[in-house]
PDB file of all heavy atoms in Angstrom:
ATOM      1  N   VAL A   1      47.106  65.896 -62.678  1.00  0.00           N
ATOM      2  CA  VAL A   1      46.282  66.471 -63.724  1.00  0.00           C
ATOM      3  C   VAL A   1      46.547  67.961 -63.881  1.00  0.00           C
ATOM      4  O   VAL A   1      46.223  68.765 -62.992  1.00  0.00           O
ATOM      5  CB  VAL A   1      44.768  66.243 -63.354  1.00  0.00           C
ATOM      6  CG1 VAL A   1      43.866  66.788 -64.499  1.00  0.00           C
ATOM      7  CG2 VAL A   1      44.505  64.754 -63.172  1.00  0.00           C
ATOM      8  N   GLU A   2      47.227  68.310 -64.985  1.00  0.00           N
ATOM      9  CA  GLU A   2      47.540  69.694 -65.195  1.00  0.00           C
ATOM     10  C   GLU A   2      46.361  70.584 -65.331  1.00  0.00           C
ATOM     11  O   GLU A   2      45.442  70.300 -66.080  1.00  0.00           O
ATOM     12  CB  GLU A   2      48.413  69.812 -66.453  1.00  0.00           C
ATOM     13  CG  GLU A   2      49.800  69.147 -66.336  1.00  0.00           C
ATOM     14  CD  GLU A   2      50.692  69.795 -65.323  1.00  0.00           C
ATOM     15  OE1 GLU A   2      50.582  71.025 -65.113  1.00  0.00           O
ATOM     16  OE2 GLU A   2      51.482  69.068 -64.700  1.00  0.00           O
ATOM     17  N   GLY A   3      46.274  71.589 -64.497  1.00  0.00           N
ATOM     18  CA  GLY A   3      45.157  72.549 -64.523  1.00  0.00           C
ATOM     19  C   GLY A   3      43.960  72.107 -63.760  1.00  0.00           C
ATOM     20  O   GLY A   3      42.947  72.813 -63.796  1.00  0.00           O
ATOM     21  N   GLY A   4      44.036  71.000 -63.066  1.00  0.00           N
ATOM     22  CA  GLY A   4      42.913  70.512 -62.279  1.00  0.00           C
ATOM     23  C   GLY A   4      42.838  71.205 -60.926  1.00  0.00           C
ATOM     24  O   GLY A   4      43.887  71.541 -60.299  1.00  0.00           O
ATOM     25  N   ASN A   5      41.642  71.503 -60.423  1.00  0.00           N
ATOM     26  CA  ASN A   5      41.399  72.177 -59.165  1.00  0.00           C
ATOM     27  C   ASN A   5      40.642  71.213 -58.268  1.00  0.00           C
ATOM     28  O   ASN A   5      40.146  70.193 -58.724  1.00  0.00           O
ATOM     29  CB  ASN A   5      40.665  73.492 -59.364  1.00  0.00           C
ATOM     30  CG  ASN A   5      40.430  74.208 -58.082  1.00  0.00           C
ATOM     31  OD1 ASN A   5      41.320  74.407 -57.298  1.00  0.00           O
ATOM     32  ND2 ASN A   5      39.166  74.561 -57.818  1.00  0.00           N
ATOM     33  N   HIS A   6      40.453  71.594 -57.010  1.00  0.00           N
ATOM     34  CA  HIS A   6      39.720  70.737 -56.141  1.00  0.00           C
ATOM     35  C   HIS A   6      38.241  70.697 -56.449  1.00  0.00           C
ATOM     36  O   HIS A   6      37.604  69.609 -56.218  1.00  0.00           O
ATOM     37  CB  HIS A   6      39.917  71.239 -54.679  1.00  0.00           C
ATOM     38  CG  HIS A   6      39.699  70.218 -53.626  1.00  0.00           C
ATOM     39  ND1 HIS A   6      40.596  69.214 -53.350  1.00  0.00           N
ATOM     40  CD2 HIS A   6      38.660  69.965 -52.781  1.00  0.00           C
ATOM     41  CE1 HIS A   6      40.169  68.457 -52.355  1.00  0.00           C
ATOM     42  NE2 HIS A   6      38.986  68.888 -52.002  1.00  0.00           N
ATOM     43  N   LEU A   7      37.674  71.749 -57.002  1.00  0.00           N
ATOM     44  CA  LEU A   7      36.260  71.833 -57.329  1.00  0.00           C
ATOM     45  C   LEU A   7      36.059  71.969 -58.824  1.00  0.00           C
ATOM     46  O   LEU A   7      36.447  72.959 -59.389  1.00  0.00           O
ATOM     47  CB  LEU A   7      35.622  73.016 -56.548  1.00  0.00           C
ATOM     48  CG  LEU A   7      35.665  72.986 -55.034  1.00  0.00           C
ATOM     49  CD1 LEU A   7      35.215  74.333 -54.507  1.00  0.00           C
ATOM     50  CD2 LEU A   7      34.784  71.880 -54.513  1.00  0.00           C
ATOM     51  N   ASP A   8      35.392  71.010 -59.437  1.00  0.00           N
ATOM     52  CA  ASP A   8      35.153  71.119 -60.873  1.00  0.00           C
ATOM     53  C   ASP A   8      34.177  72.213 -61.220  1.00  0.00           C
ATOM     54  O   ASP A   8      34.169  72.709 -62.371  1.00  0.00           O
ATOM     55  CB  ASP A   8      34.611  69.790 -61.402  1.00  0.00           C
ATOM     56  CG  ASP A   8      35.741  68.854 -61.945  1.00  0.00           C
ATOM     57  OD1 ASP A   8      36.894  69.217 -61.807  1.00  0.00           O
ATOM     58  OD2 ASP A   8      35.374  67.814 -62.549  1.00  0.00           O
ATOM     59  N   SER A   9      33.382  72.663 -60.247  1.00  0.00           N
ATOM     60  CA  SER A   9      32.462  73.721 -60.535  1.00  0.00           C
ATOM     61  C   SER A   9      33.168  75.040 -60.902  1.00  0.00           C
ATOM     62  O   SER A   9      32.634  75.846 -61.665  1.00  0.00           O
ATOM     63  CB  SER A   9      31.520  74.001 -59.355  1.00  0.00           C
ATOM     64  OG  SER A   9      32.270  74.302 -58.187  1.00  0.00           O
ATOM     65  N   LEU A  10      34.407  75.190 -60.443  1.00  0.00           N
ATOM     66  CA  LEU A  10      35.154  76.426 -60.803  1.00  0.00           C
ATOM     67  C   LEU A  10      35.657  76.408 -62.268  1.00  0.00           C
ATOM     68  O   LEU A  10      36.065  77.442 -62.749  1.00  0.00           O
ATOM     69  CB  LEU A  10      36.318  76.597 -59.861  1.00  0.00           C
ATOM     70  CG  LEU A  10      35.919  76.955 -58.437  1.00  0.00           C
ATOM     71  CD1 LEU A  10      37.182  77.143 -57.549  1.00  0.00           C
ATOM     72  CD2 LEU A  10      35.084  78.240 -58.374  1.00  0.00           C
ATOM     73  N   VAL A  11      35.543  75.266 -62.936  1.00  0.00           N
ATOM     74  CA  VAL A  11      35.910  75.232 -64.346  1.00  0.00           C
ATOM     75  C   VAL A  11      34.893  76.118 -65.128  1.00  0.00           C
ATOM     76  O   VAL A  11      35.281  76.765 -66.080  1.00  0.00           O
ATOM     77  CB  VAL A  11      35.809  73.763 -64.904  1.00  0.00           C
ATOM     78  CG1 VAL A  11      36.010  73.746 -66.412  1.00  0.00           C
ATOM     79  CG2 VAL A  11      36.866  72.914 -64.191  1.00  0.00           C
ATOM     80  N   ASP A  12      33.680  76.205 -64.683  1.00  0.00           N
ATOM     81  CA  ASP A  12      32.679  77.080 -65.305  1.00  0.00           C
ATOM     82  C   ASP A  12      33.021  78.533 -65.182  1.00  0.00           C
ATOM     83  O   ASP A  12      32.642  79.356 -66.065  1.00  0.00           O
ATOM     84  CB  ASP A  12      31.267  76.810 -64.693  1.00  0.00           C
ATOM     85  CG  ASP A  12      30.848  75.355 -64.792  1.00  0.00           C
ATOM     86  OD1 ASP A  12      31.282  74.682 -65.757  1.00  0.00           O
ATOM     87  OD2 ASP A  12      30.194  74.908 -63.911  1.00  0.00           O
ATOM     88  N   VAL A  13      33.711  78.883 -64.128  1.00  0.00           N
ATOM     89  CA  VAL A  13      34.036  80.292 -63.900  1.00  0.00           C
ATOM     90  C   VAL A  13      35.396  80.590 -64.649  1.00  0.00           C
ATOM     91  O   VAL A  13      35.524  81.762 -65.126  1.00  0.00           O
ATOM     92  CB  VAL A  13      34.304  80.523 -62.407  1.00  0.00           C
ATOM     93  CG1 VAL A  13      34.594  82.008 -62.136  1.00  0.00           C
ATOM     94  CG2 VAL A  13      33.012  80.133 -61.609  1.00  0.00           C
ATOM     95  N   HIS A  14      36.243  79.637 -64.761  1.00  0.00           N
ATOM     96  CA  HIS A  14      37.574  79.868 -65.397  1.00  0.00           C
ATOM     97  C   HIS A  14      37.822  78.760 -66.473  1.00  0.00           C
ATOM     98  O   HIS A  14      38.740  77.982 -66.367  1.00  0.00           O
ATOM     99  CB  HIS A  14      38.670  79.803 -64.334  1.00  0.00           C
ATOM    100  CG  HIS A  14      38.503  80.715 -63.218  1.00  0.00           C
ATOM    101  ND1 HIS A  14      38.752  82.098 -63.310  1.00  0.00           N
ATOM    102  CD2 HIS A  14      38.126  80.520 -61.925  1.00  0.00           C
ATOM    103  CE1 HIS A  14      38.536  82.645 -62.166  1.00  0.00           C
ATOM    104  NE2 HIS A  14      38.112  81.751 -61.286  1.00  0.00           N
ATOM    105  N   PRO A  15      36.994  78.725 -67.486  1.00  0.00           N
ATOM    106  CA  PRO A  15      37.122  77.620 -68.467  1.00  0.00           C
ATOM    107  C   PRO A  15      38.427  77.646 -69.286  1.00  0.00           C
ATOM    108  O   PRO A  15      38.855  76.649 -69.789  1.00  0.00           O
ATOM    109  CB  PRO A  15      35.895  77.860 -69.398  1.00  0.00           C
ATOM    110  CG  PRO A  15      35.610  79.319 -69.253  1.00  0.00           C
ATOM    111  CD  PRO A  15      35.897  79.641 -67.830  1.00  0.00           C
ATOM    112  N   ASP A  16      39.069  78.850 -69.337  1.00  0.00           N
ATOM    113  CA  ASP A  16      40.360  78.936 -70.101  1.00  0.00           C
ATOM    114  C   ASP A  16      41.531  78.642 -69.204  1.00  0.00           C
ATOM    115  O   ASP A  16      42.676  78.586 -69.711  1.00  0.00           O
ATOM    116  CB  ASP A  16      40.476  80.362 -70.674  1.00  0.00           C
ATOM    117  CG  ASP A  16      40.355  81.469 -69.608  1.00  0.00           C
ATOM    118  OD1 ASP A  16      39.756  81.180 -68.537  1.00  0.00           O
ATOM    119  OD2 ASP A  16      40.859  82.555 -69.842  1.00  0.00           O
ATOM    120  N   ARG A  17      41.349  78.434 -67.924  1.00  0.00           N
ATOM    121  CA  ARG A  17      42.470  78.270 -67.028  1.00  0.00           C
ATOM    122  C   ARG A  17      42.442  76.922 -66.307  1.00  0.00           C
ATOM    123  O   ARG A  17      43.485  76.441 -65.780  1.00  0.00           O
ATOM    124  CB  ARG A  17      42.490  79.380 -65.948  1.00  0.00           C
ATOM    125  CG  ARG A  17      42.869  80.726 -66.506  1.00  0.00           C
ATOM    126  CD  ARG A  17      42.824  81.761 -65.400  1.00  0.00           C
ATOM    127  NE  ARG A  17      43.559  82.956 -65.735  1.00  0.00           N
ATOM    128  CZ  ARG A  17      43.752  83.992 -64.958  1.00  0.00           C
ATOM    129  NH1 ARG A  17      43.328  83.906 -63.647  1.00  0.00           N
ATOM    130  NH2 ARG A  17      44.447  85.017 -65.337  1.00  0.00           N
ATOM    131  N   LEU A  18      41.255  76.326 -66.141  1.00  0.00           N
ATOM    132  CA  LEU A  18      41.114  75.076 -65.359  1.00  0.00           C
ATOM    133  C   LEU A  18      40.646  73.938 -66.250  1.00  0.00           C
ATOM    134  O   LEU A  18      39.907  74.103 -67.228  1.00  0.00           O
ATOM    135  CB  LEU A  18      40.111  75.318 -64.210  1.00  0.00           C
ATOM    136  CG  LEU A  18      40.498  76.254 -63.148  1.00  0.00           C
ATOM    137  CD1 LEU A  18      39.392  76.394 -62.092  1.00  0.00           C
ATOM    138  CD2 LEU A  18      41.808  75.829 -62.451  1.00  0.00           C
ATOM    139  N   LYS A  19      41.057  72.743 -65.866  1.00  0.00           N
ATOM    140  CA  LYS A  19      40.666  71.509 -66.508  1.00  0.00           C
ATOM    141  C   LYS A  19      39.788  70.654 -65.553  1.00  0.00           C
ATOM    142  O   LYS A  19      40.185  70.462 -64.408  1.00  0.00           O
ATOM    143  CB  LYS A  19      41.906  70.699 -66.919  1.00  0.00           C
ATOM    144  CG  LYS A  19      41.629  69.421 -67.620  1.00  0.00           C
ATOM    145  CD  LYS A  19      42.923  68.701 -68.022  1.00  0.00           C
ATOM    146  CE  LYS A  19      42.701  67.423 -68.716  1.00  0.00           C
ATOM    147  NZ  LYS A  19      44.016  66.736 -69.086  1.00  0.00           N
ATOM    148  N   PRO A  20      38.663  70.160 -66.018  1.00  0.00           N
ATOM    149  CA  PRO A  20      37.851  69.319 -65.120  1.00  0.00           C
ATOM    150  C   PRO A  20      38.539  68.060 -64.724  1.00  0.00           C
ATOM    151  O   PRO A  20      39.199  67.397 -65.541  1.00  0.00           O
ATOM    152  CB  PRO A  20      36.569  69.121 -65.924  1.00  0.00           C
ATOM    153  CG  PRO A  20      37.001  69.248 -67.331  1.00  0.00           C
ATOM    154  CD  PRO A  20      38.070  70.307 -67.356  1.00  0.00           C
ATOM    155  N   MET A  21      38.332  67.638 -63.480  1.00  0.00           N
ATOM    156  CA  MET A  21      38.925  66.404 -62.961  1.00  0.00           C
ATOM    157  C   MET A  21      38.088  65.185 -63.269  1.00  0.00           C
ATOM    158  O   MET A  21      38.615  64.044 -63.331  1.00  0.00           O
ATOM    159  CB  MET A  21      39.102  66.553 -61.447  1.00  0.00           C
ATOM    160  CG  MET A  21      40.085  67.587 -60.997  1.00  0.00           C
ATOM    161  SD  MET A  21      41.792  67.170 -61.355  1.00  0.00           S
ATOM    162  CE  MET A  21      41.997  65.756 -60.255  1.00  0.00           C
ATOM    163  N   LEU A  22      36.771  65.391 -63.471  1.00  0.00           N
ATOM    164  CA  LEU A  22      35.893  64.192 -63.626  1.00  0.00           C
ATOM    165  C   LEU A  22      36.270  63.315 -64.821  1.00  0.00           C
ATOM    166  O   LEU A  22      36.316  62.094 -64.609  1.00  0.00           O
ATOM    167  CB  LEU A  22      34.426  64.654 -63.738  1.00  0.00           C
ATOM    168  CG  LEU A  22      33.390  63.545 -63.851  1.00  0.00           C
ATOM    169  CD1 LEU A  22      33.486  62.587 -62.669  1.00  0.00           C
ATOM    170  CD2 LEU A  22      31.998  64.159 -63.904  1.00  0.00           C
ATOM    171  N   PRO A  23      36.602  63.841 -65.986  1.00  0.00           N
ATOM    172  CA  PRO A  23      37.049  62.939 -67.070  1.00  0.00           C
ATOM    173  C   PRO A  23      38.281  62.165 -66.656  1.00  0.00           C
ATOM    174  O   PRO A  23      38.421  60.998 -67.062  1.00  0.00           O
ATOM    175  CB  PRO A  23      37.348  63.916 -68.224  1.00  0.00           C
ATOM    176  CG  PRO A  23      36.464  65.082 -67.934  1.00  0.00           C
ATOM    177  CD  PRO A  23      36.466  65.238 -66.447  1.00  0.00           C
ATOM    178  N   ALA A  24      39.203  62.796 -65.943  1.00  0.00           N
ATOM    179  CA  ALA A  24      40.412  62.074 -65.508  1.00  0.00           C
ATOM    180  C   ALA A  24      40.056  60.964 -64.511  1.00  0.00           C
ATOM    181  O   ALA A  24      40.669  59.906 -64.514  1.00  0.00           O
ATOM    182  CB  ALA A  24      41.396  63.056 -64.854  1.00  0.00           C
ATOM    183  N   PHE A  25      39.066  61.210 -63.649  1.00  0.00           N
ATOM    184  CA  PHE A  25      38.603  60.149 -62.738  1.00  0.00           C
ATOM    185  C   PHE A  25      38.036  58.970 -63.529  1.00  0.00           C
ATOM    186  O   PHE A  25      38.325  57.810 -63.223  1.00  0.00           O
ATOM    187  CB  PHE A  25      37.565  60.704 -61.746  1.00  0.00           C
ATOM    188  CG  PHE A  25      36.815  59.584 -61.032  1.00  0.00           C
ATOM    189  CD1 PHE A  25      37.450  58.999 -59.963  1.00  0.00           C
ATOM    190  CD2 PHE A  25      35.584  59.161 -61.416  1.00  0.00           C
ATOM    191  CE1 PHE A  25      36.770  57.956 -59.273  1.00  0.00           C
ATOM    192  CE2 PHE A  25      34.940  58.138 -60.776  1.00  0.00           C
ATOM    193  CZ  PHE A  25      35.512  57.518 -59.673  1.00  0.00           C
ATOM    194  N   ARG A  26      37.192  59.242 -64.493  1.00  0.00           N
ATOM    195  CA  ARG A  26      36.620  58.131 -65.251  1.00  0.00           C
ATOM    196  C   ARG A  26      37.660  57.391 -66.025  1.00  0.00           C
ATOM    197  O   ARG A  26      37.578  56.123 -66.063  1.00  0.00           O
ATOM    198  CB  ARG A  26      35.556  58.759 -66.209  1.00  0.00           C
ATOM    199  CG  ARG A  26      34.341  59.265 -65.480  1.00  0.00           C
ATOM    200  CD  ARG A  26      33.325  59.952 -66.429  1.00  0.00           C
ATOM    201  NE  ARG A  26      32.131  60.375 -65.676  1.00  0.00           N
ATOM    202  CZ  ARG A  26      31.112  61.052 -66.189  1.00  0.00           C
ATOM    203  NH1 ARG A  26      31.170  61.388 -67.476  1.00  0.00           N
ATOM    204  NH2 ARG A  26      30.080  61.375 -65.426  1.00  0.00           N
ATOM    205  N   ALA A  27      38.650  58.047 -66.543  1.00  0.00           N
ATOM    206  CA  ALA A  27      39.770  57.344 -67.219  1.00  0.00           C
ATOM    207  C   ALA A  27      40.541  56.500 -66.246  1.00  0.00           C
ATOM    208  O   ALA A  27      40.946  55.369 -66.562  1.00  0.00           O
ATOM    209  CB  ALA A  27      40.611  58.362 -67.943  1.00  0.00           C
ATOM    210  N   ALA A  28      40.791  57.043 -65.042  1.00  0.00           N
ATOM    211  CA  ALA A  28      41.532  56.293 -64.026  1.00  0.00           C
ATOM    212  C   ALA A  28      40.743  55.094 -63.572  1.00  0.00           C
ATOM    213  O   ALA A  28      41.332  54.000 -63.343  1.00  0.00           O
ATOM    214  CB  ALA A  28      41.825  57.219 -62.842  1.00  0.00           C
ATOM    215  N   PHE A  29      39.429  55.228 -63.453  1.00  0.00           N
ATOM    216  CA  PHE A  29      38.628  54.046 -63.054  1.00  0.00           C
ATOM    217  C   PHE A  29      38.717  52.957 -64.136  1.00  0.00           C
ATOM    218  O   PHE A  29      38.857  51.765 -63.772  1.00  0.00           O
ATOM    219  CB  PHE A  29      37.173  54.467 -62.835  1.00  0.00           C
ATOM    220  CG  PHE A  29      36.342  53.404 -62.191  1.00  0.00           C
ATOM    221  CD1 PHE A  29      36.143  53.379 -60.836  1.00  0.00           C
ATOM    222  CD2 PHE A  29      35.724  52.412 -62.959  1.00  0.00           C
ATOM    223  CE1 PHE A  29      35.365  52.391 -60.218  1.00  0.00           C
ATOM    224  CE2 PHE A  29      34.990  51.387 -62.346  1.00  0.00           C
ATOM    225  CZ  PHE A  29      34.808  51.378 -60.996  1.00  0.00           C
ATOM    226  N   GLU A  30      38.622  53.294 -65.379  1.00  0.00           N
ATOM    227  CA  GLU A  30      38.741  52.289 -66.463  1.00  0.00           C
ATOM    228  C   GLU A  30      40.148  51.710 -66.396  1.00  0.00           C
ATOM    229  O   GLU A  30      40.325  50.500 -66.677  1.00  0.00           O
ATOM    230  CB  GLU A  30      38.494  53.000 -67.816  1.00  0.00           C
ATOM    231  CG  GLU A  30      37.101  53.475 -68.017  1.00  0.00           C
ATOM    232  CD  GLU A  30      36.125  52.370 -68.443  1.00  0.00           C
ATOM    233  OE1 GLU A  30      36.248  51.258 -67.961  1.00  0.00           O
ATOM    234  OE2 GLU A  30      35.244  52.645 -69.240  1.00  0.00           O
ATOM    235  N   GLU A  31      41.149  52.503 -66.112  1.00  0.00           N
ATOM    236  CA  GLU A  31      42.513  52.008 -66.033  1.00  0.00           C
ATOM    237  C   GLU A  31      42.595  50.985 -64.893  1.00  0.00           C
ATOM    238  O   GLU A  31      43.241  49.899 -65.033  1.00  0.00           O
ATOM    239  CB  GLU A  31      43.487  53.147 -65.797  1.00  0.00           C
ATOM    240  CG  GLU A  31      44.901  52.745 -65.629  1.00  0.00           C
ATOM    241  CD  GLU A  31      45.844  53.917 -65.303  1.00  0.00           C
ATOM    242  OE1 GLU A  31      45.367  55.095 -65.444  1.00  0.00           O
ATOM    243  OE2 GLU A  31      46.989  53.681 -64.985  1.00  0.00           O
ATOM    244  N   LEU A  32      42.013  51.309 -63.751  1.00  0.00           N
ATOM    245  CA  LEU A  32      42.039  50.363 -62.648  1.00  0.00           C
ATOM    246  C   LEU A  32      41.381  49.066 -62.969  1.00  0.00           C
ATOM    247  O   LEU A  32      41.920  47.995 -62.643  1.00  0.00           O
ATOM    248  CB  LEU A  32      41.368  51.008 -61.409  1.00  0.00           C
ATOM    249  CG  LEU A  32      41.230  50.162 -60.181  1.00  0.00           C
ATOM    250  CD1 LEU A  32      42.579  49.843 -59.556  1.00  0.00           C
ATOM    251  CD2 LEU A  32      40.345  50.752 -59.148  1.00  0.00           C
ATOM    252  N   ALA A  33      40.205  49.136 -63.581  1.00  0.00           N
ATOM    253  CA  ALA A  33      39.485  47.929 -63.982  1.00  0.00           C
ATOM    254  C   ALA A  33      40.329  47.028 -64.880  1.00  0.00           C
ATOM    255  O   ALA A  33      40.356  45.795 -64.760  1.00  0.00           O
ATOM    256  CB  ALA A  33      38.170  48.264 -64.645  1.00  0.00           C
ATOM    257  N   GLY A  34      41.028  47.633 -65.824  1.00  0.00           N
ATOM    258  CA  GLY A  34      41.915  46.904 -66.730  1.00  0.00           C
ATOM    259  C   GLY A  34      43.140  46.359 -66.007  1.00  0.00           C
ATOM    260  O   GLY A  34      43.586  45.217 -66.290  1.00  0.00           O
ATOM    261  N   TRP A  35      43.621  47.097 -65.059  1.00  0.00           N
ATOM    262  CA  TRP A  35      44.832  46.727 -64.307  1.00  0.00           C
ATOM    263  C   TRP A  35      44.594  45.444 -63.473  1.00  0.00           C
ATOM    264  O   TRP A  35      45.445  44.606 -63.468  1.00  0.00           O
ATOM    265  CB  TRP A  35      45.251  47.911 -63.414  1.00  0.00           C
ATOM    266  CG  TRP A  35      46.472  47.747 -62.584  1.00  0.00           C
ATOM    267  CD1 TRP A  35      47.416  46.776 -62.639  1.00  0.00           C
ATOM    268  CD2 TRP A  35      46.896  48.633 -61.538  1.00  0.00           C
ATOM    269  NE1 TRP A  35      48.400  46.997 -61.737  1.00  0.00           N
ATOM    270  CE2 TRP A  35      48.134  48.117 -61.084  1.00  0.00           C
ATOM    271  CE3 TRP A  35      46.364  49.838 -61.053  1.00  0.00           C
ATOM    272  CZ2 TRP A  35      48.817  48.780 -60.039  1.00  0.00           C
ATOM    273  CZ3 TRP A  35      47.065  50.443 -60.048  1.00  0.00           C
ATOM    274  CH2 TRP A  35      48.289  49.936 -59.538  1.00  0.00           C
TER     275      TRP A  35
END
């Protein structure tokens, strides 16, 4: 995940530099269910 960090809370501090991981997790979960 480009721009993802270990802590999504830091996205609030650096919104122009970091990408939240939670949406990627939800997409991955849906992908797994379909797989």
